[in-house]
């Protein structure tokens, strides 16, 4: 009996081990895609309010009334000026349609002329396509540029002409010739069309660096912050004659800031560069004078 009992126990143990080997355990790499999509974080945008269609630029309205570009005051301006209007009831219900799952910005290119590439990925909301088909929707991106970087307004208008952007404006310091030490911050506001099949929006903003001040390290680092993001929509078929946009604010999303490492003159070399430049200028001037005198004498001898 003891031998039979031990055989039964051994058989049960072997059967249990076989079951454990056959049944797969859940792993981190093979997670259920439905669960992953539910766990994936999406932004929760806020409905700011309604604006008339005649008020095109957000930053333009703020800059014209305040005369400066302080980021904190711009946020207060949106709260005070736009919240006073009636909120659009339809957009209150559908605000989550435009939730963003990720925002990524990176600088592409080399040298003093770069492309700021920004990627906005929408959450896969089931009502997104149907809603955008019935509305005109635009993504509004507001980029704050430090005094060492600028965006050429003429270049932006060319992009608008070619249909890359719906509109593009530069506010603040738009003098392209000023060096970094004499310039101020500027703000770029661009409008991009949101289509029904736009699961993500990728756009490039051309940027240029100004002449930086001298630095002992030979380089200067310029940090470009995160952009302000907005979505505005209005129905394609409206029951009222008045035209208005409903503005959705994403604020400054959690994303990455970028550092642009720009080469500059080394302060240690200032005296040497000054002396060499001065001597070169004197030598070239002296050579030009001698050359002029020599050729003038040759011309006179030929005439005689």
C-alpha atoms as a PDB file:
ATOM      1  CA  UNK A   1       0.000   0.000   0.000  1.00  0.00           C
ATOM      2  CA  UNK A   2       2.819   2.383   0.846  1.00  0.00           C
ATOM      3  CA  UNK A   3       4.408   1.673  -2.509  1.00  0.00           C
ATOM      4  CA  UNK A   4       1.082   2.271  -4.333  1.00  0.00           C
ATOM      5  CA  UNK A   5       0.496   5.477  -2.393  1.00  0.00           C
ATOM      6  CA  UNK A   6       3.959   6.747  -3.239  1.00  0.00           C
ATOM      7  CA  UNK A   7       3.316   5.998  -6.946  1.00  0.00           C
ATOM      8  CA  UNK A   8       0.056   8.012  -6.807  1.00  0.00           C
ATOM      9  CA  UNK A   9       1.825  10.951  -5.139  1.00  0.00           C
ATOM     10  CA  UNK A  10       4.604  10.861  -7.722  1.00  0.00           C
ATOM     11  CA  UNK A  11       2.077  10.773 -10.578  1.00  0.00           C
ATOM     12  CA  UNK A  12       0.161  13.752  -9.168  1.00  0.00           C
ATOM     13  CA  UNK A  13       3.383  15.739  -8.752  1.00  0.00           C
ATOM     14  CA  UNK A  14       4.429  14.969 -12.327  1.00  0.00           C
ATOM     15  CA  UNK A  15       0.970  15.976 -13.625  1.00  0.00           C
ATOM     16  CA  UNK A  16       1.123  19.258 -11.699  1.00  0.00           C
ATOM     17  CA  UNK A  17       4.564  20.100 -13.102  1.00  0.00           C
ATOM     18  CA  UNK A  18       3.343  19.337 -16.628  1.00  0.00           C
ATOM     19  CA  UNK A  19       0.398  21.720 -16.245  1.00  0.00           C
ATOM     20  CA  UNK A  20       2.654  24.470 -14.909  1.00  0.00           C
ATOM     21  CA  UNK A  21       4.963  24.086 -17.906  1.00  0.00           C
ATOM     22  CA  UNK A  22       2.113  24.172 -20.436  1.00  0.00           C
ATOM     23  CA  UNK A  23       0.120  27.136 -19.060  1.00  0.00           C
ATOM     24  CA  UNK A  24       1.922  30.387 -20.056  1.00  0.00           C
ATOM     25  CA  UNK A  25       2.445  33.091 -17.489  1.00  0.00           C
ATOM     26  CA  UNK A  26       1.689  36.708 -18.453  1.00  0.00           C
ATOM     27  CA  UNK A  27       4.834  38.657 -19.246  1.00  0.00           C
ATOM     28  CA  UNK A  28       5.572  42.343 -19.425  1.00  0.00           C
ATOM     29  CA  UNK A  29       6.479  42.148 -23.071  1.00  0.00           C
ATOM     30  CA  UNK A  30       3.303  40.324 -24.181  1.00  0.00           C
ATOM     31  CA  UNK A  31       0.669  42.496 -22.556  1.00  0.00           C
ATOM     32  CA  UNK A  32      -2.847  42.658 -23.918  1.00  0.00           C
ATOM     33  CA  UNK A  33      -3.073  45.552 -26.453  1.00  0.00           C
ATOM     34  CA  UNK A  34      -6.515  46.494 -25.165  1.00  0.00           C
ATOM     35  CA  UNK A  35      -5.188  46.760 -21.636  1.00  0.00           C
ATOM     36  CA  UNK A  36      -2.209  48.744 -22.902  1.00  0.00           C
ATOM     37  CA  UNK A  37      -4.456  51.193 -24.714  1.00  0.00           C
ATOM     38  CA  UNK A  38      -6.574  51.669 -21.630  1.00  0.00           C
ATOM     39  CA  UNK A  39      -3.531  52.208 -19.445  1.00  0.00           C
ATOM     40  CA  UNK A  40      -1.957  54.617 -21.930  1.00  0.00           C
ATOM     41  CA  UNK A  41      -2.159  58.125 -20.532  1.00  0.00           C
ATOM     42  CA  UNK A  42      -3.967  60.774 -22.515  1.00  0.00           C
ATOM     43  CA  UNK A  43      -4.063  64.487 -21.881  1.00  0.00           C
ATOM     44  CA  UNK A  44      -7.324  66.053 -20.715  1.00  0.00           C
ATOM     45  CA  UNK A  45      -7.781  69.343 -22.580  1.00  0.00           C
ATOM     46  CA  UNK A  46      -9.818  72.219 -21.189  1.00  0.00           C
ATOM     47  CA  UNK A  47     -12.538  74.153 -22.988  1.00  0.00           C
ATOM     48  CA  UNK A  48     -11.614  77.830 -22.688  1.00  0.00           C
ATOM     49  CA  UNK A  49     -14.602  79.338 -24.457  1.00  0.00           C
ATOM     50  CA  UNK A  50     -15.813  80.800 -27.737  1.00  0.00           C
ATOM     51  CA  UNK A  51     -14.096  83.417 -29.879  1.00  0.00           C
ATOM     52  CA  UNK A  52     -15.472  85.194 -32.918  1.00  0.00           C
ATOM     53  CA  UNK A  53     -13.991  84.227 -36.270  1.00  0.00           C
ATOM     54  CA  UNK A  54     -12.625  87.761 -36.733  1.00  0.00           C
ATOM     55  CA  UNK A  55     -10.183  87.138 -33.854  1.00  0.00           C
ATOM     56  CA  UNK A  56      -7.700  84.990 -35.704  1.00  0.00           C
ATOM     57  CA  UNK A  57      -4.450  85.009 -33.702  1.00  0.00           C
ATOM     58  CA  UNK A  58      -4.426  84.310 -29.972  1.00  0.00           C
ATOM     59  CA  UNK A  59      -1.034  85.902 -29.421  1.00  0.00           C
ATOM     60  CA  UNK A  60      -1.921  88.836 -31.668  1.00  0.00           C
ATOM     61  CA  UNK A  61      -4.889  89.792 -29.480  1.00  0.00           C
ATOM     62  CA  UNK A  62      -2.750  89.529 -26.347  1.00  0.00           C
ATOM     63  CA  UNK A  63       0.214  91.453 -27.790  1.00  0.00           C
ATOM     64  CA  UNK A  64      -1.953  94.285 -29.117  1.00  0.00           C
ATOM     65  CA  UNK A  65      -3.659  94.792 -25.757  1.00  0.00           C
ATOM     66  CA  UNK A  66      -0.656  94.288 -23.438  1.00  0.00           C
ATOM     67  CA  UNK A  67       2.371  95.231 -25.526  1.00  0.00           C
ATOM     68  CA  UNK A  68       4.581  92.425 -24.189  1.00  0.00           C
ATOM     69  CA  UNK A  69       4.940  88.650 -24.476  1.00  0.00           C
ATOM     70  CA  UNK A  70       5.211  87.389 -20.900  1.00  0.00           C
ATOM     71  CA  UNK A  71       4.029  83.783 -20.804  1.00  0.00           C
ATOM     72  CA  UNK A  72       2.366  84.034 -17.391  1.00  0.00           C
ATOM     73  CA  UNK A  73       0.324  87.072 -18.410  1.00  0.00           C
ATOM     74  CA  UNK A  74      -0.753  85.310 -21.595  1.00  0.00           C
ATOM     75  CA  UNK A  75      -2.310  82.491 -19.549  1.00  0.00           C
ATOM     76  CA  UNK A  76      -4.143  85.043 -17.401  1.00  0.00           C
ATOM     77  CA  UNK A  77      -5.338  86.796 -20.554  1.00  0.00           C
ATOM     78  CA  UNK A  78      -6.942  83.591 -21.819  1.00  0.00           C
ATOM     79  CA  UNK A  79      -8.666  82.999 -18.488  1.00  0.00           C
ATOM     80  CA  UNK A  80     -10.013  86.543 -18.186  1.00  0.00           C
ATOM     81  CA  UNK A  81     -10.835  87.527 -21.747  1.00  0.00           C
ATOM     82  CA  UNK A  82     -12.145  84.296 -23.248  1.00  0.00           C
ATOM     83  CA  UNK A  83     -13.777  82.593 -20.266  1.00  0.00           C
ATOM     84  CA  UNK A  84     -16.191  85.501 -20.022  1.00  0.00           C
ATOM     85  CA  UNK A  85     -17.981  84.220 -23.127  1.00  0.00           C
ATOM     86  CA  UNK A  86     -20.522  81.411 -23.162  1.00  0.00           C
ATOM     87  CA  UNK A  87     -19.014  77.953 -23.363  1.00  0.00           C
ATOM     88  CA  UNK A  88     -20.049  75.859 -26.330  1.00  0.00           C
ATOM     89  CA  UNK A  89     -22.111  72.969 -25.013  1.00  0.00           C
ATOM     90  CA  UNK A  90     -21.288  70.580 -27.852  1.00  0.00           C
ATOM     91  CA  UNK A  91     -17.549  70.882 -27.288  1.00  0.00           C
ATOM     92  CA  UNK A  92     -17.907  70.407 -23.550  1.00  0.00           C
ATOM     93  CA  UNK A  93     -19.173  66.898 -24.242  1.00  0.00           C
ATOM     94  CA  UNK A  94     -16.577  66.122 -26.930  1.00  0.00           C
ATOM     95  CA  UNK A  95     -13.443  67.708 -25.465  1.00  0.00           C
ATOM     96  CA  UNK A  96     -11.752  64.366 -24.788  1.00  0.00           C
ATOM     97  CA  UNK A  97     -11.846  63.541 -28.505  1.00  0.00           C
ATOM     98  CA  UNK A  98      -8.701  65.632 -28.947  1.00  0.00           C
ATOM     99  CA  UNK A  99      -6.715  64.068 -26.126  1.00  0.00           C
ATOM    100  CA  UNK A 100      -3.009  63.718 -26.904  1.00  0.00           C
ATOM    101  CA  UNK A 101      -1.047  60.622 -26.007  1.00  0.00           C
ATOM    102  CA  UNK A 102       2.390  62.081 -26.703  1.00  0.00           C
ATOM    103  CA  UNK A 103       4.213  65.248 -27.670  1.00  0.00           C
ATOM    104  CA  UNK A 104       7.784  65.128 -28.937  1.00  0.00           C
ATOM    105  CA  UNK A 105      10.000  67.955 -30.205  1.00  0.00           C
ATOM    106  CA  UNK A 106      13.512  67.694 -31.580  1.00  0.00           C
ATOM    107  CA  UNK A 107      15.999  69.875 -33.442  1.00  0.00           C
ATOM    108  CA  UNK A 108      17.070  68.530 -36.826  1.00  0.00           C
ATOM    109  CA  UNK A 109      19.947  69.683 -38.996  1.00  0.00           C
ATOM    110  CA  UNK A 110      23.338  71.205 -38.317  1.00  0.00           C
ATOM    111  CA  UNK A 111      24.900  74.626 -38.041  1.00  0.00           C
ATOM    112  CA  UNK A 112      23.035  77.903 -37.572  1.00  0.00           C
ATOM    113  CA  UNK A 113      19.903  76.843 -39.456  1.00  0.00           C
ATOM    114  CA  UNK A 114      17.770  74.088 -37.929  1.00  0.00           C
ATOM    115  CA  UNK A 115      14.299  72.563 -38.171  1.00  0.00           C
ATOM    116  CA  UNK A 116      12.225  72.249 -35.010  1.00  0.00           C
ATOM    117  CA  UNK A 117      10.246  69.054 -35.670  1.00  0.00           C
ATOM    118  CA  UNK A 118       7.198  68.565 -33.432  1.00  0.00           C
ATOM    119  CA  UNK A 119       5.042  65.428 -33.375  1.00  0.00           C
ATOM    120  CA  UNK A 120       1.578  65.428 -31.775  1.00  0.00           C
ATOM    121  CA  UNK A 121      -0.092  62.008 -31.464  1.00  0.00           C
ATOM    122  CA  UNK A 122      -3.840  61.941 -30.800  1.00  0.00           C
ATOM    123  CA  UNK A 123      -5.451  59.316 -28.607  1.00  0.00           C
ATOM    124  CA  UNK A 124      -7.406  56.786 -30.640  1.00  0.00           C
ATOM    125  CA  UNK A 125     -10.876  58.090 -29.744  1.00  0.00           C
ATOM    126  CA  UNK A 126     -13.738  56.319 -31.606  1.00  0.00           C
ATOM    127  CA  UNK A 127     -15.597  59.616 -32.264  1.00  0.00           C
ATOM    128  CA  UNK A 128     -12.575  61.507 -33.635  1.00  0.00           C
ATOM    129  CA  UNK A 129     -13.121  60.853 -37.359  1.00  0.00           C
ATOM    130  CA  UNK A 130     -16.877  61.539 -37.295  1.00  0.00           C
ATOM    131  CA  UNK A 131     -16.471  64.761 -35.304  1.00  0.00           C
ATOM    132  CA  UNK A 132     -13.700  66.218 -37.484  1.00  0.00           C
ATOM    133  CA  UNK A 133     -15.704  65.412 -40.631  1.00  0.00           C
ATOM    134  CA  UNK A 134     -18.483  67.688 -39.332  1.00  0.00           C
ATOM    135  CA  UNK A 135     -16.224  70.519 -38.084  1.00  0.00           C
ATOM    136  CA  UNK A 136     -13.446  72.797 -39.268  1.00  0.00           C
ATOM    137  CA  UNK A 137     -10.622  72.138 -36.794  1.00  0.00           C
ATOM    138  CA  UNK A 138      -7.192  73.719 -36.477  1.00  0.00           C
ATOM    139  CA  UNK A 139      -4.221  72.970 -34.265  1.00  0.00           C
ATOM    140  CA  UNK A 140      -2.607  76.134 -32.896  1.00  0.00           C
ATOM    141  CA  UNK A 141       1.011  75.944 -31.760  1.00  0.00           C
ATOM    142  CA  UNK A 142       2.660  78.839 -29.920  1.00  0.00           C
ATOM    143  CA  UNK A 143       6.449  78.642 -29.621  1.00  0.00           C
ATOM    144  CA  UNK A 144       8.380  80.965 -27.304  1.00  0.00           C
ATOM    145  CA  UNK A 145      11.831  81.619 -28.766  1.00  0.00           C
ATOM    146  CA  UNK A 146      14.683  82.983 -26.592  1.00  0.00           C
ATOM    147  CA  UNK A 147      16.740  85.977 -27.689  1.00  0.00           C
ATOM    148  CA  UNK A 148      19.401  83.811 -29.366  1.00  0.00           C
ATOM    149  CA  UNK A 149      16.971  82.224 -31.862  1.00  0.00           C
ATOM    150  CA  UNK A 150      14.543  83.648 -34.411  1.00  0.00           C
ATOM    151  CA  UNK A 151      12.130  82.475 -37.076  1.00  0.00           C
ATOM    152  CA  UNK A 152      12.071  84.332 -40.388  1.00  0.00           C
ATOM    153  CA  UNK A 153       8.542  85.716 -41.025  1.00  0.00           C
ATOM    154  CA  UNK A 154       9.162  85.831 -44.791  1.00  0.00           C
ATOM    155  CA  UNK A 155      10.135  82.163 -44.769  1.00  0.00           C
ATOM    156  CA  UNK A 156       6.992  81.319 -42.782  1.00  0.00           C
ATOM    157  CA  UNK A 157       4.803  83.143 -45.292  1.00  0.00           C
ATOM    158  CA  UNK A 158       6.301  81.014 -48.059  1.00  0.00           C
ATOM    159  CA  UNK A 159       5.232  77.915 -46.120  1.00  0.00           C
ATOM    160  CA  UNK A 160       1.717  79.357 -45.807  1.00  0.00           C
ATOM    161  CA  UNK A 161       1.657  80.042 -49.555  1.00  0.00           C
ATOM    162  CA  UNK A 162       2.596  76.420 -50.267  1.00  0.00           C
ATOM    163  CA  UNK A 163      -0.126  75.120 -47.927  1.00  0.00           C
ATOM    164  CA  UNK A 164       2.144  73.773 -45.191  1.00  0.00           C
ATOM    165  CA  UNK A 165       0.501  76.019 -42.571  1.00  0.00           C
ATOM    166  CA  UNK A 166      -2.911  77.684 -42.618  1.00  0.00           C
ATOM    167  CA  UNK A 167      -1.344  80.811 -41.137  1.00  0.00           C
ATOM    168  CA  UNK A 168       1.886  81.813 -39.396  1.00  0.00           C
ATOM    169  CA  UNK A 169       2.807  84.966 -37.483  1.00  0.00           C
ATOM    170  CA  UNK A 170       5.815  86.251 -35.551  1.00  0.00           C
ATOM    171  CA  UNK A 171       5.355  88.617 -32.606  1.00  0.00           C
ATOM    172  CA  UNK A 172       7.977  90.520 -30.673  1.00  0.00           C
ATOM    173  CA  UNK A 173      11.501  91.034 -31.973  1.00  0.00           C
ATOM    174  CA  UNK A 174      11.436  90.343 -35.717  1.00  0.00           C
ATOM    175  CA  UNK A 175      14.684  92.186 -36.579  1.00  0.00           C
ATOM    176  CA  UNK A 176      16.697  89.502 -38.341  1.00  0.00           C
ATOM    177  CA  UNK A 177      20.016  91.388 -38.282  1.00  0.00           C
ATOM    178  CA  UNK A 178      20.416  91.972 -34.546  1.00  0.00           C
ATOM    179  CA  UNK A 179      22.962  89.888 -32.621  1.00  0.00           C
ATOM    180  CA  UNK A 180      21.886  87.841 -29.648  1.00  0.00           C
ATOM    181  CA  UNK A 181      23.019  90.428 -27.073  1.00  0.00           C
ATOM    182  CA  UNK A 182      20.793  93.170 -28.556  1.00  0.00           C
ATOM    183  CA  UNK A 183      17.715  91.098 -29.375  1.00  0.00           C
ATOM    184  CA  UNK A 184      14.631  90.161 -27.359  1.00  0.00           C
ATOM    185  CA  UNK A 185      12.356  87.145 -27.221  1.00  0.00           C
ATOM    186  CA  UNK A 186       9.882  86.432 -29.990  1.00  0.00           C
ATOM    187  CA  UNK A 187       6.804  84.251 -30.275  1.00  0.00           C
ATOM    188  CA  UNK A 188       5.702  82.225 -33.284  1.00  0.00           C
ATOM    189  CA  UNK A 189       2.064  81.222 -33.719  1.00  0.00           C
ATOM    190  CA  UNK A 190       1.216  78.716 -36.431  1.00  0.00           C
ATOM    191  CA  UNK A 191      -2.126  77.197 -37.429  1.00  0.00           C
ATOM    192  CA  UNK A 192      -2.311  73.684 -38.883  1.00  0.00           C
ATOM    193  CA  UNK A 193      -5.303  71.965 -40.456  1.00  0.00           C
ATOM    194  CA  UNK A 194      -6.618  68.924 -38.551  1.00  0.00           C
ATOM    195  CA  UNK A 195      -8.046  66.293 -40.886  1.00  0.00           C
ATOM    196  CA  UNK A 196     -10.309  63.359 -40.094  1.00  0.00           C
ATOM    197  CA  UNK A 197      -7.520  60.866 -40.816  1.00  0.00           C
ATOM    198  CA  UNK A 198      -4.948  62.796 -38.759  1.00  0.00           C
ATOM    199  CA  UNK A 199      -3.968  60.331 -36.058  1.00  0.00           C
ATOM    200  CA  UNK A 200      -0.874  62.455 -35.577  1.00  0.00           C
ATOM    201  CA  UNK A 201       0.410  65.830 -36.733  1.00  0.00           C
ATOM    202  CA  UNK A 202       4.054  66.346 -37.667  1.00  0.00           C
ATOM    203  CA  UNK A 203       5.317  69.791 -38.638  1.00  0.00           C
ATOM    204  CA  UNK A 204       8.655  71.546 -39.052  1.00  0.00           C
ATOM    205  CA  UNK A 205       9.376  75.089 -37.916  1.00  0.00           C
ATOM    206  CA  UNK A 206      12.534  76.612 -39.473  1.00  0.00           C
ATOM    207  CA  UNK A 207      14.746  78.332 -36.880  1.00  0.00           C
ATOM    208  CA  UNK A 208      17.937  80.366 -37.166  1.00  0.00           C
ATOM    209  CA  UNK A 209      20.502  81.293 -34.536  1.00  0.00           C
ATOM    210  CA  UNK A 210      21.687  84.860 -33.970  1.00  0.00           C
ATOM    211  CA  UNK A 211      25.322  85.892 -33.520  1.00  0.00           C
ATOM    212  CA  UNK A 212      26.051  84.922 -29.899  1.00  0.00           C
ATOM    213  CA  UNK A 213      28.239  86.923 -27.476  1.00  0.00           C
ATOM    214  CA  UNK A 214      31.800  85.864 -26.695  1.00  0.00           C
ATOM    215  CA  UNK A 215      32.272  82.958 -24.327  1.00  0.00           C
ATOM    216  CA  UNK A 216      35.406  81.397 -22.873  1.00  0.00           C
ATOM    217  CA  UNK A 217      34.198  77.864 -23.678  1.00  0.00           C
ATOM    218  CA  UNK A 218      33.669  78.621 -27.362  1.00  0.00           C
ATOM    219  CA  UNK A 219      30.008  77.545 -27.203  1.00  0.00           C
ATOM    220  CA  UNK A 220      26.755  78.864 -25.798  1.00  0.00           C
ATOM    221  CA  UNK A 221      23.697  76.759 -24.935  1.00  0.00           C
ATOM    222  CA  UNK A 222      20.212  78.041 -25.766  1.00  0.00           C
ATOM    223  CA  UNK A 223      17.189  76.254 -24.320  1.00  0.00           C
ATOM    224  CA  UNK A 224      13.903  76.169 -26.240  1.00  0.00           C
ATOM    225  CA  UNK A 225      10.954  75.412 -23.991  1.00  0.00           C
ATOM    226  CA  UNK A 226       7.771  73.445 -24.549  1.00  0.00           C
ATOM    227  CA  UNK A 227       5.095  74.916 -26.832  1.00  0.00           C
ATOM    228  CA  UNK A 228       1.558  75.975 -25.941  1.00  0.00           C
ATOM    229  CA  UNK A 229      -0.974  73.789 -27.753  1.00  0.00           C
ATOM    230  CA  UNK A 230      -4.559  74.609 -28.676  1.00  0.00           C
ATOM    231  CA  UNK A 231      -7.288  73.107 -30.846  1.00  0.00           C
ATOM    232  CA  UNK A 232     -10.124  75.229 -32.165  1.00  0.00           C
ATOM    233  CA  UNK A 233     -13.219  73.948 -33.977  1.00  0.00           C
ATOM    234  CA  UNK A 234     -16.411  75.308 -35.466  1.00  0.00           C
ATOM    235  CA  UNK A 235     -19.261  73.432 -37.175  1.00  0.00           C
ATOM    236  CA  UNK A 236     -19.211  73.250 -40.964  1.00  0.00           C
ATOM    237  CA  UNK A 237     -22.973  73.799 -40.928  1.00  0.00           C
ATOM    238  CA  UNK A 238     -24.051  76.309 -38.288  1.00  0.00           C
ATOM    239  CA  UNK A 239     -27.595  77.113 -37.207  1.00  0.00           C
ATOM    240  CA  UNK A 240     -26.676  80.732 -36.436  1.00  0.00           C
ATOM    241  CA  UNK A 241     -25.333  83.486 -38.658  1.00  0.00           C
ATOM    242  CA  UNK A 242     -22.644  84.404 -36.134  1.00  0.00           C
ATOM    243  CA  UNK A 243     -19.330  82.650 -36.669  1.00  0.00           C
ATOM    244  CA  UNK A 244     -17.416  81.492 -33.601  1.00  0.00           C
ATOM    245  CA  UNK A 245     -14.617  79.083 -32.698  1.00  0.00           C
ATOM    246  CA  UNK A 246     -14.509  76.878 -29.633  1.00  0.00           C
ATOM    247  CA  UNK A 247     -11.008  76.954 -28.146  1.00  0.00           C
ATOM    248  CA  UNK A 248      -9.504  73.876 -26.448  1.00  0.00           C
ATOM    249  CA  UNK A 249      -6.400  74.450 -24.338  1.00  0.00           C
ATOM    250  CA  UNK A 250      -3.757  71.763 -23.774  1.00  0.00           C
ATOM    251  CA  UNK A 251      -1.516  74.205 -21.908  1.00  0.00           C
ATOM    252  CA  UNK A 252       2.169  73.352 -21.778  1.00  0.00           C
ATOM    253  CA  UNK A 253       2.190  69.559 -21.929  1.00  0.00           C
ATOM    254  CA  UNK A 254       4.778  67.411 -20.262  1.00  0.00           C
ATOM    255  CA  UNK A 255       7.357  67.051 -22.975  1.00  0.00           C
ATOM    256  CA  UNK A 256      10.994  67.643 -23.681  1.00  0.00           C
ATOM    257  CA  UNK A 257      12.901  70.911 -23.738  1.00  0.00           C
ATOM    258  CA  UNK A 258      15.641  71.266 -26.340  1.00  0.00           C
ATOM    259  CA  UNK A 259      19.151  72.652 -25.997  1.00  0.00           C
ATOM    260  CA  UNK A 260      20.830  74.219 -29.016  1.00  0.00           C
ATOM    261  CA  UNK A 261      24.627  74.309 -28.687  1.00  0.00           C
ATOM    262  CA  UNK A 262      25.830  77.245 -30.781  1.00  0.00           C
ATOM    263  CA  UNK A 263      29.534  77.956 -31.463  1.00  0.00           C
ATOM    264  CA  UNK A 264      30.743  81.438 -30.556  1.00  0.00           C
ATOM    265  CA  UNK A 265      33.949  83.434 -30.330  1.00  0.00           C
ATOM    266  CA  UNK A 266      36.363  82.716 -27.494  1.00  0.00           C
ATOM    267  CA  UNK A 267      37.052  85.755 -25.322  1.00  0.00           C
ATOM    268  CA  UNK A 268      40.663  84.619 -24.793  1.00  0.00           C
ATOM    269  CA  UNK A 269      41.384  85.090 -28.509  1.00  0.00           C
ATOM    270  CA  UNK A 270      39.992  88.644 -28.670  1.00  0.00           C
ATOM    271  CA  UNK A 271      43.335  90.485 -28.608  1.00  0.00           C
ATOM    272  CA  UNK A 272      45.013  88.155 -31.110  1.00  0.00           C
ATOM    273  CA  UNK A 273      42.096  88.352 -33.542  1.00  0.00           C
ATOM    274  CA  UNK A 274      41.974  92.156 -33.217  1.00  0.00           C
ATOM    275  CA  UNK A 275      45.701  92.569 -33.912  1.00  0.00           C
ATOM    276  CA  UNK A 276      45.697  90.181 -36.872  1.00  0.00           C
ATOM    277  CA  UNK A 277      42.598  91.808 -38.366  1.00  0.00           C
ATOM    278  CA  UNK A 278      44.085  95.298 -37.941  1.00  0.00           C
ATOM    279  CA  UNK A 279      47.421  94.338 -39.538  1.00  0.00           C
ATOM    280  CA  UNK A 280      45.646  92.554 -42.389  1.00  0.00           C
ATOM    281  CA  UNK A 281      43.528  95.633 -43.080  1.00  0.00           C
ATOM    282  CA  UNK A 282      46.627  97.899 -43.149  1.00  0.00           C
ATOM    283  CA  UNK A 283      48.524  95.520 -45.439  1.00  0.00           C
ATOM    284  CA  UNK A 284      45.614  95.203 -47.866  1.00  0.00           C
ATOM    285  CA  UNK A 285      45.087  98.974 -47.936  1.00  0.00           C
ATOM    286  CA  UNK A 286      48.790  99.577 -48.564  1.00  0.00           C
ATOM    287  CA  UNK A 287      48.792  96.969 -51.350  1.00  0.00           C
ATOM    288  CA  UNK A 288      45.783  98.608 -53.033  1.00  0.00           C
ATOM    289  CA  UNK A 289      47.461 102.041 -52.910  1.00  0.00           C
ATOM    290  CA  UNK A 290      50.706 100.688 -54.401  1.00  0.00           C
ATOM    291  CA  UNK A 291      48.805  98.808 -57.091  1.00  0.00           C
ATOM    292  CA  UNK A 292      46.861 101.943 -58.024  1.00  0.00           C
ATOM    293  CA  UNK A 293      50.049 104.045 -58.269  1.00  0.00           C
ATOM    294  CA  UNK A 294      51.820 101.395 -60.346  1.00  0.00           C
ATOM    295  CA  UNK A 295      48.980 101.027 -62.856  1.00  0.00           C
ATOM    296  CA  UNK A 296      48.541 104.795 -63.153  1.00  0.00           C
ATOM    297  CA  UNK A 297      52.255 105.196 -64.060  1.00  0.00           C
ATOM    298  CA  UNK A 298      51.999 102.443 -66.685  1.00  0.00           C
ATOM    299  CA  UNK A 299      48.991 104.134 -68.252  1.00  0.00           C
ATOM    300  CA  UNK A 300      50.870 107.453 -68.495  1.00  0.00           C
ATOM    301  CA  UNK A 301      53.927 105.812 -70.093  1.00  0.00           C
ATOM    302  CA  UNK A 302      51.748 104.154 -72.736  1.00  0.00           C
ATOM    303  CA  UNK A 303      50.082 107.451 -73.595  1.00  0.00           C
ATOM    304  CA  UNK A 304      53.497 109.101 -74.160  1.00  0.00           C
END
